[in-house]
PDB file of N, CA and C in Angstrom:
ATOM      1  N   MET A   1     -12.080 -34.335 -16.379  1.00  0.00           N
ATOM      2  CA  MET A   1     -12.307 -32.904 -16.295  1.00  0.00           C
ATOM      3  C   MET A   1     -13.041 -32.387 -17.535  1.00  0.00           C
ATOM      4  N   ILE A   2     -12.895 -33.093 -18.642  1.00  0.00           N
ATOM      5  CA  ILE A   2     -13.626 -32.697 -19.850  1.00  0.00           C
ATOM      6  C   ILE A   2     -15.125 -32.848 -19.625  1.00  0.00           C
ATOM      7  N   ARG A   3     -15.527 -33.942 -18.978  1.00  0.00           N
ATOM      8  CA  ARG A   3     -16.952 -34.134 -18.667  1.00  0.00           C
ATOM      9  C   ARG A   3     -17.457 -33.050 -17.721  1.00  0.00           C
ATOM     10  N   LEU A   4     -16.626 -32.677 -16.764  1.00  0.00           N
ATOM     11  CA  LEU A   4     -17.001 -31.620 -15.824  1.00  0.00           C
ATOM     12  C   LEU A   4     -17.188 -30.302 -16.565  1.00  0.00           C
ATOM     13  N   GLU A   5     -16.285 -29.998 -17.480  1.00  0.00           N
ATOM     14  CA  GLU A   5     -16.390 -28.767 -18.260  1.00  0.00           C
ATOM     15  C   GLU A   5     -17.690 -28.741 -19.075  1.00  0.00           C
ATOM     16  N   HIS A   6     -18.017 -29.859 -19.722  1.00  0.00           N
ATOM     17  CA  HIS A   6     -19.262 -29.931 -20.495  1.00  0.00           C
ATOM     18  C   HIS A   6     -20.488 -29.803 -19.589  1.00  0.00           C
ATOM     19  N   TYR A   7     -20.423 -30.423 -18.414  1.00  0.00           N
ATOM     20  CA  TYR A   7     -21.530 -30.339 -17.468  1.00  0.00           C
ATOM     21  C   TYR A   7     -21.753 -28.891 -17.029  1.00  0.00           C
ATOM     22  N   LEU A   8     -20.682 -28.187 -16.692  1.00  0.00           N
ATOM     23  CA  LEU A   8     -20.827 -26.798 -16.253  1.00  0.00           C
ATOM     24  C   LEU A   8     -21.320 -25.907 -17.391  1.00  0.00           C
ATOM     25  N   ASP A   9     -20.945 -26.212 -18.623  1.00  0.00           N
ATOM     26  CA  ASP A   9     -21.485 -25.470 -19.774  1.00  0.00           C
ATOM     27  C   ASP A   9     -23.002 -25.634 -19.841  1.00  0.00           C
ATOM     28  N   GLN A  10     -23.486 -26.858 -19.639  1.00  0.00           N
ATOM     29  CA  GLN A  10     -24.924 -27.116 -19.658  1.00  0.00           C
ATOM     30  C   GLN A  10     -25.627 -26.433 -18.486  1.00  0.00           C
ATOM     31  N   VAL A  11     -24.970 -26.416 -17.340  1.00  0.00           N
ATOM     32  CA  VAL A  11     -25.526 -25.740 -16.165  1.00  0.00           C
ATOM     33  C   VAL A  11     -25.726 -24.258 -16.471  1.00  0.00           C
ATOM     34  N   LEU A  12     -24.729 -23.632 -17.078  1.00  0.00           N
ATOM     35  CA  LEU A  12     -24.816 -22.208 -17.409  1.00  0.00           C
ATOM     36  C   LEU A  12     -25.903 -21.945 -18.437  1.00  0.00           C
ATOM     37  N   LEU A  13     -26.006 -22.790 -19.446  1.00  0.00           N
ATOM     38  CA  LEU A  13     -27.039 -22.616 -20.468  1.00  0.00           C
ATOM     39  C   LEU A  13     -28.446 -22.788 -19.891  1.00  0.00           C
ATOM     40  N   SER A  14     -28.553 -23.602 -18.849  1.00  0.00           N
ATOM     41  CA  SER A  14     -29.850 -23.860 -18.217  1.00  0.00           C
ATOM     42  C   SER A  14     -30.174 -22.879 -17.106  1.00  0.00           C
ATOM     43  N   ASN A  15     -29.260 -21.966 -16.814  1.00  0.00           N
ATOM     44  CA  ASN A  15     -29.451 -20.948 -15.769  1.00  0.00           C
ATOM     45  C   ASN A  15     -29.687 -21.533 -14.384  1.00  0.00           C
ATOM     46  N   PHE A  16     -29.051 -22.663 -14.078  1.00  0.00           N
ATOM     47  CA  PHE A  16     -29.130 -23.214 -12.724  1.00  0.00           C
ATOM     48  C   PHE A  16     -28.216 -22.406 -11.820  1.00  0.00           C
ATOM     49  N   SER A  17     -28.646 -22.187 -10.589  1.00  0.00           N
ATOM     50  CA  SER A  17     -27.812 -21.425  -9.656  1.00  0.00           C
ATOM     51  C   SER A  17     -26.963 -22.334  -8.766  1.00  0.00           C
ATOM     52  N   ASP A  18     -27.468 -23.509  -8.423  1.00  0.00           N
ATOM     53  CA  ASP A  18     -26.751 -24.473  -7.590  1.00  0.00           C
ATOM     54  C   ASP A  18     -26.823 -25.842  -8.238  1.00  0.00           C
ATOM     55  N   VAL A  19     -25.718 -26.574  -8.203  1.00  0.00           N
ATOM     56  CA  VAL A  19     -25.693 -27.930  -8.750  1.00  0.00           C
ATOM     57  C   VAL A  19     -24.843 -28.829  -7.868  1.00  0.00           C
ATOM     58  N   GLU A  20     -25.043 -30.137  -8.027  1.00  0.00           N
ATOM     59  CA  GLU A  20     -24.253 -31.146  -7.328  1.00  0.00           C
ATOM     60  C   GLU A  20     -23.330 -31.815  -8.324  1.00  0.00           C
ATOM     61  N   ILE A  21     -22.106 -32.044  -7.911  1.00  0.00           N
ATOM     62  CA  ILE A  21     -21.179 -32.842  -8.697  1.00  0.00           C
ATOM     63  C   ILE A  21     -20.881 -34.087  -7.873  1.00  0.00           C
ATOM     64  N   ILE A  22     -21.267 -35.232  -8.397  1.00  0.00           N
ATOM     65  CA  ILE A  22     -21.068 -36.500  -7.688  1.00  0.00           C
ATOM     66  C   ILE A  22     -19.777 -37.122  -8.213  1.00  0.00           C
ATOM     67  N   HIS A  23     -18.774 -37.189  -7.355  1.00  0.00           N
ATOM     68  CA  HIS A  23     -17.474 -37.732  -7.749  1.00  0.00           C
ATOM     69  C   HIS A  23     -17.123 -38.984  -6.964  1.00  0.00           C
ATOM     70  N   GLY A  24     -17.924 -39.330  -5.989  1.00  0.00           N
ATOM     71  CA  GLY A  24     -17.662 -40.502  -5.172  1.00  0.00           C
ATOM     72  C   GLY A  24     -16.606 -40.231  -4.115  1.00  0.00           C
ATOM     73  N   LYS A  25     -16.413 -41.199  -3.243  1.00  0.00           N
ATOM     74  CA  LYS A  25     -15.480 -41.031  -2.131  1.00  0.00           C
ATOM     75  C   LYS A  25     -14.096 -41.546  -2.505  1.00  0.00           C
ATOM     76  N   GLY A  26     -13.954 -42.792  -2.808  1.00  0.00           N
ATOM     77  CA  GLY A  26     -12.688 -43.378  -3.239  1.00  0.00           C
ATOM     78  C   GLY A  26     -11.480 -42.897  -2.457  1.00  0.00           C
ATOM     79  N   THR A  27     -10.410 -42.575  -3.180  1.00  0.00           N
ATOM     80  CA  THR A  27      -9.168 -42.115  -2.549  1.00  0.00           C
ATOM     81  C   THR A  27      -9.168 -40.612  -2.313  1.00  0.00           C
ATOM     82  N   GLY A  28     -10.123 -39.915  -2.897  1.00  0.00           N
ATOM     83  CA  GLY A  28     -10.191 -38.468  -2.764  1.00  0.00           C
ATOM     84  C   GLY A  28      -9.497 -37.727  -3.903  1.00  0.00           C
ATOM     85  N   ALA A  29      -8.844 -38.465  -4.808  1.00  0.00           N
ATOM     86  CA  ALA A  29      -8.115 -37.835  -5.910  1.00  0.00           C
ATOM     87  C   ALA A  29      -9.064 -37.117  -6.866  1.00  0.00           C
ATOM     88  N   LEU A  30     -10.186 -37.743  -7.197  1.00  0.00           N
ATOM     89  CA  LEU A  30     -11.137 -37.113  -8.112  1.00  0.00           C
ATOM     90  C   LEU A  30     -11.774 -35.884  -7.463  1.00  0.00           C
ATOM     91  N   GLN A  31     -12.115 -35.992  -6.189  1.00  0.00           N
ATOM     92  CA  GLN A  31     -12.676 -34.841  -5.471  1.00  0.00           C
ATOM     93  C   GLN A  31     -11.688 -33.676  -5.501  1.00  0.00           C
ATOM     94  N   LYS A  32     -10.443 -33.952  -5.248  1.00  0.00           N
ATOM     95  CA  LYS A  32      -9.416 -32.907  -5.256  1.00  0.00           C
ATOM     96  C   LYS A  32      -9.289 -32.283  -6.641  1.00  0.00           C
ATOM     97  N   GLY A  33      -9.299 -33.100  -7.682  1.00  0.00           N
ATOM     98  CA  GLY A  33      -9.220 -32.588  -9.048  1.00  0.00           C
ATOM     99  C   GLY A  33     -10.409 -31.722  -9.405  1.00  0.00           C
ATOM    100  N   VAL A  34     -11.608 -32.165  -9.013  1.00  0.00           N
ATOM    101  CA  VAL A  34     -12.824 -31.394  -9.275  1.00  0.00           C
ATOM    102  C   VAL A  34     -12.749 -30.045  -8.578  1.00  0.00           C
ATOM    103  N   GLN A  35     -12.344 -30.033  -7.330  1.00  0.00           N
ATOM    104  CA  GLN A  35     -12.306 -28.782  -6.581  1.00  0.00           C
ATOM    105  C   GLN A  35     -11.212 -27.848  -7.083  1.00  0.00           C
ATOM    106  N   GLN A  36     -10.103 -28.386  -7.550  1.00  0.00           N
ATOM    107  CA  GLN A  36      -9.062 -27.546  -8.157  1.00  0.00           C
ATOM    108  C   GLN A  36      -9.588 -26.889  -9.425  1.00  0.00           C
ATOM    109  N   TYR A  37     -10.343 -27.650 -10.216  1.00  0.00           N
ATOM    110  CA  TYR A  37     -10.931 -27.111 -11.435  1.00  0.00           C
ATOM    111  C   TYR A  37     -11.940 -26.004 -11.097  1.00  0.00           C
ATOM    112  N   LEU A  38     -12.772 -26.241 -10.094  1.00  0.00           N
ATOM    113  CA  LEU A  38     -13.793 -25.268  -9.715  1.00  0.00           C
ATOM    114  C   LEU A  38     -13.186 -23.966  -9.206  1.00  0.00           C
ATOM    115  N   LYS A  39     -12.038 -24.038  -8.539  1.00  0.00           N
ATOM    116  CA  LYS A  39     -11.367 -22.834  -8.041  1.00  0.00           C
ATOM    117  C   LYS A  39     -11.009 -21.879  -9.174  1.00  0.00           C
ATOM    118  N   ARG A  40     -10.699 -22.438 -10.347  1.00  0.00           N
ATOM    119  CA  ARG A  40     -10.265 -21.622 -11.473  1.00  0.00           C
ATOM    120  C   ARG A  40     -11.387 -21.252 -12.440  1.00  0.00           C
ATOM    121  N   HIS A  41     -12.561 -21.838 -12.256  1.00  0.00           N
ATOM    122  CA  HIS A  41     -13.656 -21.598 -13.209  1.00  0.00           C
ATOM    123  C   HIS A  41     -14.245 -20.207 -12.970  1.00  0.00           C
ATOM    124  N   PRO A  42     -14.311 -19.378 -14.014  1.00  0.00           N
ATOM    125  CA  PRO A  42     -14.772 -17.992 -13.841  1.00  0.00           C
ATOM    126  C   PRO A  42     -16.250 -17.841 -13.479  1.00  0.00           C
ATOM    127  N   LYS A  43     -17.067 -18.844 -13.721  1.00  0.00           N
ATOM    128  CA  LYS A  43     -18.503 -18.737 -13.447  1.00  0.00           C
ATOM    129  C   LYS A  43     -18.922 -19.428 -12.156  1.00  0.00           C
ATOM    130  N   VAL A  44     -17.962 -19.958 -11.403  1.00  0.00           N
ATOM    131  CA  VAL A  44     -18.260 -20.592 -10.115  1.00  0.00           C
ATOM    132  C   VAL A  44     -18.089 -19.559  -9.018  1.00  0.00           C
ATOM    133  N   SER A  45     -19.162 -19.328  -8.287  1.00  0.00           N
ATOM    134  CA  SER A  45     -19.131 -18.374  -7.179  1.00  0.00           C
ATOM    135  C   SER A  45     -18.485 -19.001  -5.946  1.00  0.00           C
ATOM    136  N   SER A  46     -18.922 -20.222  -5.610  1.00  0.00           N
ATOM    137  CA  SER A  46     -18.371 -20.929  -4.458  1.00  0.00           C
ATOM    138  C   SER A  46     -18.715 -22.412  -4.573  1.00  0.00           C
ATOM    139  N   PHE A  47     -18.061 -23.207  -3.730  1.00  0.00           N
ATOM    140  CA  PHE A  47     -18.379 -24.635  -3.662  1.00  0.00           C
ATOM    141  C   PHE A  47     -18.038 -25.136  -2.273  1.00  0.00           C
ATOM    142  N   ARG A  48     -18.636 -26.280  -1.937  1.00  0.00           N
ATOM    143  CA  ARG A  48     -18.414 -26.881  -0.624  1.00  0.00           C
ATOM    144  C   ARG A  48     -18.666 -28.373  -0.726  1.00  0.00           C
ATOM    145  N   GLY A  49     -18.152 -29.096   0.240  1.00  0.00           N
ATOM    146  CA  GLY A  49     -18.445 -30.520   0.320  1.00  0.00           C
ATOM    147  C   GLY A  49     -19.885 -30.735   0.723  1.00  0.00           C
ATOM    148  N   GLY A  50     -20.438 -31.854   0.326  1.00  0.00           N
ATOM    149  CA  GLY A  50     -21.820 -32.156   0.654  1.00  0.00           C
ATOM    150  C   GLY A  50     -22.016 -32.475   2.126  1.00  0.00           C
ATOM    151  N   MET A  51     -23.173 -32.122   2.643  1.00  0.00           N
ATOM    152  CA  MET A  51     -23.567 -32.500   4.002  1.00  0.00           C
ATOM    153  C   MET A  51     -23.908 -33.992   3.972  1.00  0.00           C
ATOM    154  N   PRO A  52     -23.953 -34.652   5.130  1.00  0.00           N
ATOM    155  CA  PRO A  52     -24.277 -36.081   5.137  1.00  0.00           C
ATOM    156  C   PRO A  52     -25.572 -36.420   4.398  1.00  0.00           C
ATOM    157  N   SER A  53     -26.577 -35.565   4.503  1.00  0.00           N
ATOM    158  CA  SER A  53     -27.846 -35.825   3.832  1.00  0.00           C
ATOM    159  C   SER A  53     -27.772 -35.582   2.318  1.00  0.00           C
ATOM    160  N   GLU A  54     -26.694 -34.942   1.846  1.00  0.00           N
ATOM    161  CA  GLU A  54     -26.515 -34.648   0.422  1.00  0.00           C
ATOM    162  C   GLU A  54     -25.562 -35.627  -0.268  1.00  0.00           C
ATOM    163  N   GLY A  55     -24.933 -36.496   0.500  1.00  0.00           N
ATOM    164  CA  GLY A  55     -23.972 -37.433  -0.062  1.00  0.00           C
ATOM    165  C   GLY A  55     -22.602 -37.356   0.585  1.00  0.00           C
ATOM    166  N   GLY A  56     -22.443 -36.451   1.517  1.00  0.00           N
ATOM    167  CA  GLY A  56     -21.190 -36.357   2.266  1.00  0.00           C
ATOM    168  C   GLY A  56     -19.982 -36.065   1.394  1.00  0.00           C
ATOM    169  N   PHE A  57     -18.883 -36.776   1.668  1.00  0.00           N
ATOM    170  CA  PHE A  57     -17.622 -36.542   0.969  1.00  0.00           C
ATOM    171  C   PHE A  57     -17.672 -36.922  -0.504  1.00  0.00           C
ATOM    172  N   GLY A  58     -18.703 -37.621  -0.922  1.00  0.00           N
ATOM    173  CA  GLY A  58     -18.804 -38.063  -2.322  1.00  0.00           C
ATOM    174  C   GLY A  58     -19.426 -37.031  -3.238  1.00  0.00           C
ATOM    175  N   VAL A  59     -19.784 -35.855  -2.718  1.00  0.00           N
ATOM    176  CA  VAL A  59     -20.488 -34.839  -3.493  1.00  0.00           C
ATOM    177  C   VAL A  59     -19.875 -33.460  -3.215  1.00  0.00           C
ATOM    178  N   THR A  60     -19.793 -32.639  -4.249  1.00  0.00           N
ATOM    179  CA  THR A  60     -19.425 -31.250  -4.103  1.00  0.00           C
ATOM    180  C   THR A  60     -20.607 -30.401  -4.575  1.00  0.00           C
ATOM    181  N   ILE A  61     -21.033 -29.461  -3.748  1.00  0.00           N
ATOM    182  CA  ILE A  61     -22.135 -28.558  -4.065  1.00  0.00           C
ATOM    183  C   ILE A  61     -21.537 -27.266  -4.617  1.00  0.00           C
ATOM    184  N   VAL A  62     -22.022 -26.853  -5.784  1.00  0.00           N
ATOM    185  CA  VAL A  62     -21.463 -25.690  -6.478  1.00  0.00           C
ATOM    186  C   VAL A  62     -22.508 -24.599  -6.616  1.00  0.00           C
ATOM    187  N   GLU A  63     -22.134 -23.373  -6.287  1.00  0.00           N
ATOM    188  CA  GLU A  63     -22.990 -22.208  -6.502  1.00  0.00           C
ATOM    189  C   GLU A  63     -22.406 -21.417  -7.674  1.00  0.00           C
ATOM    190  N   MET A  64     -23.230 -21.216  -8.691  1.00  0.00           N
ATOM    191  CA  MET A  64     -22.795 -20.503  -9.891  1.00  0.00           C
ATOM    192  C   MET A  64     -23.028 -19.014  -9.726  1.00  0.00           C
ATOM    193  N   LYS A  65     -22.278 -18.218 -10.491  1.00  0.00           N
ATOM    194  CA  LYS A  65     -22.455 -16.760 -10.488  1.00  0.00           C
ATOM    195  C   LYS A  65     -23.671 -16.385 -11.303  1.00  0.00           C
TER     196      LYS A  65
END
């Protein structure tokens, strides 16, 4: 989660509006942790799982405020 926090800091400094977080499929534990973190982040507008062409369950798409 520390890496995720640093990544989102860089996203904000770069003024990106949408980003991908690649967490892989695995057991789903990392995906769940990432999405729990995103729910509480004040600069995240919304997020969703990736479409099949975007990486499917292994990717979370984030829209920043």
